[in-house]
Amino acid sequence: MPNRTVIAIVIYMMVQAVVFGIGVVLVLATPLTNIAMTLMPFVVAASLLVSAPVAWLLAPMARAAHERKLNAQEPGRSTDDQPGHGYHAS
């Protein structure tokens, strides 16, 4: 499984929690409170669907941050020194 996919899976649940929280606050802190019981299943479904592409877009940024941290710890490290095309072969 490619590294981006694994990172996206790990990030997915955190992103989903944030998106769900935003949706709940929007429903409960606005006049939509009157129909909150009707809207909550839609908030759950929307958080499930929206979180996947957001996690997919965030995965390369998380990987790049990790690469920067490794380069700071090992200044002479080159991606050519590692087997499989880079430190994290994908």
N, C-alpha and C. Protein backbone atom coordinates (compact mmCIF):
# COMPACT_ATOMS: atom_id res chain seq x y z
N MET A 1 0.86 -1.17 0.00
CA MET A 1 0.00 0.00 0.00
C MET A 1 0.91 1.24 0.00
N PRO A 2 0.64 2.20 -0.87
CA PRO A 2 1.48 3.40 -0.92
C PRO A 2 1.44 4.18 0.40
N ASN A 3 2.54 4.86 0.66
CA ASN A 3 2.64 5.62 1.91
C ASN A 3 1.57 6.69 2.02
N ARG A 4 1.24 7.33 0.91
CA ARG A 4 0.21 8.37 0.97
C ARG A 4 -1.12 7.80 1.43
N THR A 5 -1.44 6.60 0.99
CA THR A 5 -2.69 5.97 1.40
C THR A 5 -2.69 5.67 2.89
N VAL A 6 -1.59 5.14 3.38
CA VAL A 6 -1.49 4.81 4.81
C VAL A 6 -1.61 6.07 5.66
N ILE A 7 -0.91 7.11 5.26
CA ILE A 7 -0.97 8.37 6.01
C ILE A 7 -2.38 8.95 5.96
N ALA A 8 -3.03 8.88 4.80
CA ALA A 8 -4.40 9.39 4.67
C ALA A 8 -5.36 8.62 5.56
N ILE A 9 -5.18 7.31 5.68
CA ILE A 9 -6.04 6.51 6.55
C ILE A 9 -5.86 6.92 8.01
N VAL A 10 -4.62 7.16 8.40
CA VAL A 10 -4.35 7.57 9.78
C VAL A 10 -4.95 8.95 10.06
N ILE A 11 -4.83 9.85 9.11
CA ILE A 11 -5.33 11.22 9.28
C ILE A 11 -6.85 11.28 9.19
N TYR A 12 -7.47 10.34 8.49
CA TYR A 12 -8.90 10.38 8.19
C TYR A 12 -9.76 10.56 9.44
N MET A 13 -9.52 9.78 10.46
CA MET A 13 -10.38 9.85 11.65
C MET A 13 -10.25 11.19 12.37
N MET A 14 -9.05 11.75 12.39
CA MET A 14 -8.88 13.06 13.02
C MET A 14 -9.60 14.14 12.22
N VAL A 15 -9.49 14.08 10.91
CA VAL A 15 -10.17 15.04 10.05
C VAL A 15 -11.69 14.89 10.20
N GLN A 16 -12.15 13.65 10.26
CA GLN A 16 -13.58 13.41 10.41
C GLN A 16 -14.10 14.00 11.72
N ALA A 17 -13.33 13.85 12.79
CA ALA A 17 -13.76 14.41 14.08
C ALA A 17 -13.90 15.92 14.01
N VAL A 18 -12.96 16.57 13.35
CA VAL A 18 -13.01 18.03 13.23
C VAL A 18 -14.19 18.46 12.36
N VAL A 19 -14.37 17.80 11.23
CA VAL A 19 -15.48 18.15 10.33
C VAL A 19 -16.82 17.90 11.02
N PHE A 20 -16.93 16.79 11.74
CA PHE A 20 -18.17 16.50 12.46
C PHE A 20 -18.42 17.56 13.53
N GLY A 21 -17.38 17.95 14.26
CA GLY A 21 -17.53 19.00 15.28
C GLY A 21 -17.99 20.31 14.69
N ILE A 22 -17.43 20.69 13.56
CA ILE A 22 -17.85 21.92 12.89
C ILE A 22 -19.32 21.82 12.49
N GLY A 23 -19.71 20.67 11.95
CA GLY A 23 -21.10 20.48 11.55
C GLY A 23 -22.06 20.54 12.72
N VAL A 24 -21.68 19.92 13.83
CA VAL A 24 -22.54 19.93 15.02
C VAL A 24 -22.69 21.34 15.56
N VAL A 25 -21.59 22.08 15.61
CA VAL A 25 -21.66 23.46 16.09
C VAL A 25 -22.53 24.30 15.18
N LEU A 26 -22.41 24.12 13.87
CA LEU A 26 -23.25 24.88 12.94
C LEU A 26 -24.73 24.57 13.12
N VAL A 27 -25.03 23.32 13.41
CA VAL A 27 -26.45 22.95 13.60
C VAL A 27 -26.97 23.45 14.94
N LEU A 28 -26.18 23.26 16.00
CA LEU A 28 -26.68 23.55 17.34
C LEU A 28 -26.53 25.01 17.77
N ALA A 29 -25.69 25.77 17.11
CA ALA A 29 -25.48 27.16 17.52
C ALA A 29 -26.20 28.15 16.61
N THR A 30 -27.06 27.65 15.78
CA THR A 30 -27.81 28.51 14.86
C THR A 30 -29.31 28.23 15.05
N PRO A 31 -30.15 28.94 14.37
CA PRO A 31 -31.59 28.66 14.46
C PRO A 31 -31.98 27.26 13.96
N LEU A 32 -31.02 26.53 13.39
CA LEU A 32 -31.31 25.17 12.94
C LEU A 32 -31.51 24.19 14.09
N THR A 33 -31.34 24.67 15.32
CA THR A 33 -31.51 23.82 16.50
C THR A 33 -32.90 23.19 16.53
N ASN A 34 -33.88 23.88 16.00
CA ASN A 34 -35.25 23.37 16.00
C ASN A 34 -35.38 22.06 15.24
N ILE A 35 -34.55 21.89 14.21
CA ILE A 35 -34.63 20.66 13.41
C ILE A 35 -33.34 19.85 13.52
N ALA A 36 -32.66 19.96 14.66
CA ALA A 36 -31.38 19.30 14.85
C ALA A 36 -31.48 17.78 14.73
N MET A 37 -32.52 17.19 15.26
CA MET A 37 -32.67 15.74 15.20
C MET A 37 -32.80 15.25 13.75
N THR A 38 -33.33 16.06 12.90
CA THR A 38 -33.44 15.71 11.48
C THR A 38 -32.12 15.91 10.76
N LEU A 39 -31.38 16.96 11.14
CA LEU A 39 -30.15 17.30 10.43
C LEU A 39 -28.94 16.47 10.86
N MET A 40 -28.94 15.93 12.06
CA MET A 40 -27.74 15.24 12.55
C MET A 40 -27.32 14.05 11.69
N PRO A 41 -28.23 13.22 11.17
CA PRO A 41 -27.77 12.15 10.27
C PRO A 41 -27.07 12.69 9.02
N PHE A 42 -27.53 13.85 8.54
CA PHE A 42 -26.87 14.46 7.37
C PHE A 42 -25.49 14.99 7.73
N VAL A 43 -25.35 15.49 8.95
CA VAL A 43 -24.03 15.96 9.42
C VAL A 43 -23.07 14.78 9.50
N VAL A 44 -23.52 13.66 10.02
CA VAL A 44 -22.68 12.46 10.11
C VAL A 44 -22.28 11.99 8.71
N ALA A 45 -23.23 11.89 7.80
CA ALA A 45 -22.93 11.44 6.44
C ALA A 45 -21.99 12.40 5.72
N ALA A 46 -22.23 13.69 5.90
CA ALA A 46 -21.37 14.68 5.25
C ALA A 46 -19.95 14.60 5.80
N SER A 47 -19.80 14.39 7.11
CA SER A 47 -18.46 14.31 7.68
C SER A 47 -17.73 13.07 7.17
N LEU A 48 -18.46 11.98 6.97
CA LEU A 48 -17.83 10.77 6.42
C LEU A 48 -17.34 11.00 4.99
N LEU A 49 -18.14 11.70 4.19
CA LEU A 49 -17.80 11.90 2.79
C LEU A 49 -16.75 12.99 2.57
N VAL A 50 -16.83 14.06 3.32
CA VAL A 50 -15.92 15.20 3.12
C VAL A 50 -14.52 14.89 3.67
N SER A 51 -14.44 14.05 4.69
CA SER A 51 -13.17 13.81 5.34
C SER A 51 -12.17 13.04 4.47
N ALA A 52 -12.65 12.16 3.62
CA ALA A 52 -11.75 11.36 2.80
C ALA A 52 -10.90 12.22 1.85
N PRO A 53 -11.49 13.11 1.05
CA PRO A 53 -10.64 13.92 0.18
C PRO A 53 -9.75 14.89 0.95
N VAL A 54 -10.24 15.39 2.08
CA VAL A 54 -9.41 16.30 2.88
C VAL A 54 -8.19 15.56 3.42
N ALA A 55 -8.39 14.34 3.92
CA ALA A 55 -7.27 13.54 4.43
C ALA A 55 -6.30 13.22 3.29
N TRP A 56 -6.82 12.93 2.11
CA TRP A 56 -5.97 12.63 0.96
C TRP A 56 -5.10 13.84 0.59
N LEU A 57 -5.67 15.04 0.71
CA LEU A 57 -4.90 16.25 0.40
C LEU A 57 -3.89 16.60 1.49
N LEU A 58 -4.18 16.25 2.73
CA LEU A 58 -3.27 16.55 3.83
C LEU A 58 -2.11 15.56 3.94
N ALA A 59 -2.27 14.36 3.42
CA ALA A 59 -1.25 13.31 3.57
C ALA A 59 0.13 13.73 3.03
N PRO A 60 0.25 14.30 1.84
CA PRO A 60 1.58 14.70 1.37
C PRO A 60 2.23 15.78 2.25
N MET A 61 1.40 16.65 2.83
CA MET A 61 1.95 17.68 3.71
C MET A 61 2.51 17.07 4.99
N ALA A 62 1.83 16.07 5.51
CA ALA A 62 2.34 15.38 6.70
C ALA A 62 3.63 14.64 6.38
N ARG A 63 3.69 14.04 5.21
CA ARG A 63 4.90 13.33 4.80
C ARG A 63 6.06 14.31 4.59
N ALA A 64 5.78 15.46 4.00
CA ALA A 64 6.83 16.46 3.78
C ALA A 64 7.35 17.00 5.11
N ALA A 65 6.46 17.18 6.08
CA ALA A 65 6.91 17.64 7.40
C ALA A 65 7.83 16.62 8.03
N HIS A 66 7.51 15.35 7.87
CA HIS A 66 8.37 14.28 8.40
C HIS A 66 9.73 14.28 7.70
N GLU A 67 9.72 14.46 6.39
CA GLU A 67 10.98 14.52 5.64
C GLU A 67 11.84 15.70 6.09
N ARG A 68 11.22 16.87 6.32
CA ARG A 68 11.99 18.03 6.80
C ARG A 68 12.60 17.75 8.16
N LYS A 69 11.85 17.08 9.02
CA LYS A 69 12.36 16.75 10.35
C LYS A 69 13.55 15.80 10.24
N LEU A 70 13.46 14.81 9.37
CA LEU A 70 14.58 13.88 9.18
C LEU A 70 15.79 14.58 8.61
N ASN A 71 15.59 15.49 7.67
CA ASN A 71 16.71 16.22 7.08
C ASN A 71 17.38 17.13 8.10
N ALA A 72 16.61 17.66 9.04
CA ALA A 72 17.19 18.50 10.09
C ALA A 72 18.02 17.66 11.05
N GLN A 73 17.60 16.43 11.31
CA GLN A 73 18.33 15.55 12.22
C GLN A 73 19.57 14.98 11.57
N GLU A 74 19.52 14.71 10.27
CA GLU A 74 20.65 14.14 9.53
C GLU A 74 20.95 15.04 8.33
N PRO A 75 21.69 16.12 8.54
CA PRO A 75 21.88 17.09 7.46
C PRO A 75 22.51 16.52 6.20
N GLY A 76 23.36 15.51 6.31
CA GLY A 76 24.03 14.96 5.14
C GLY A 76 23.23 13.90 4.42
N ARG A 77 22.05 13.60 4.91
CA ARG A 77 21.25 12.52 4.33
C ARG A 77 20.74 12.91 2.96
N SER A 78 20.86 12.01 2.04
CA SER A 78 20.37 12.24 0.69
C SER A 78 19.30 11.20 0.36
N THR A 79 18.32 11.59 -0.40
CA THR A 79 17.28 10.62 -0.77
C THR A 79 17.85 9.55 -1.70
N ASP A 80 18.97 9.84 -2.36
CA ASP A 80 19.59 8.85 -3.24
C ASP A 80 20.27 7.75 -2.44
N ASP A 81 20.60 8.00 -1.17
CA ASP A 81 21.27 7.01 -0.33
C ASP A 81 20.35 5.89 0.11
N GLN A 82 19.06 6.12 0.01
CA GLN A 82 18.09 5.17 0.53
C GLN A 82 17.61 4.23 -0.58
N PRO A 83 17.38 2.96 -0.23
CA PRO A 83 16.88 2.02 -1.24
C PRO A 83 15.44 2.33 -1.62
N GLY A 84 15.10 2.07 -2.84
CA GLY A 84 13.71 2.19 -3.27
C GLY A 84 13.28 3.60 -3.56
N HIS A 85 14.19 4.47 -4.04
CA HIS A 85 13.81 5.84 -4.46
C HIS A 85 13.32 6.69 -3.32
N GLY A 86 14.23 7.14 -2.50
CA GLY A 86 13.87 8.04 -1.42
C GLY A 86 13.76 7.35 -0.08
N TYR A 87 13.62 8.14 0.94
CA TYR A 87 13.56 7.59 2.30
C TYR A 87 12.32 6.73 2.46
N HIS A 88 11.20 7.18 1.92
CA HIS A 88 9.97 6.41 1.98
C HIS A 88 9.60 5.99 0.58
N ALA A 89 9.96 4.78 0.23
CA ALA A 89 9.64 4.30 -1.12
C ALA A 89 8.13 4.13 -1.23
N SER A 90 7.59 4.59 -2.34
CA SER A 90 6.14 4.42 -2.52
C SER A 90 5.84 3.82 -3.87
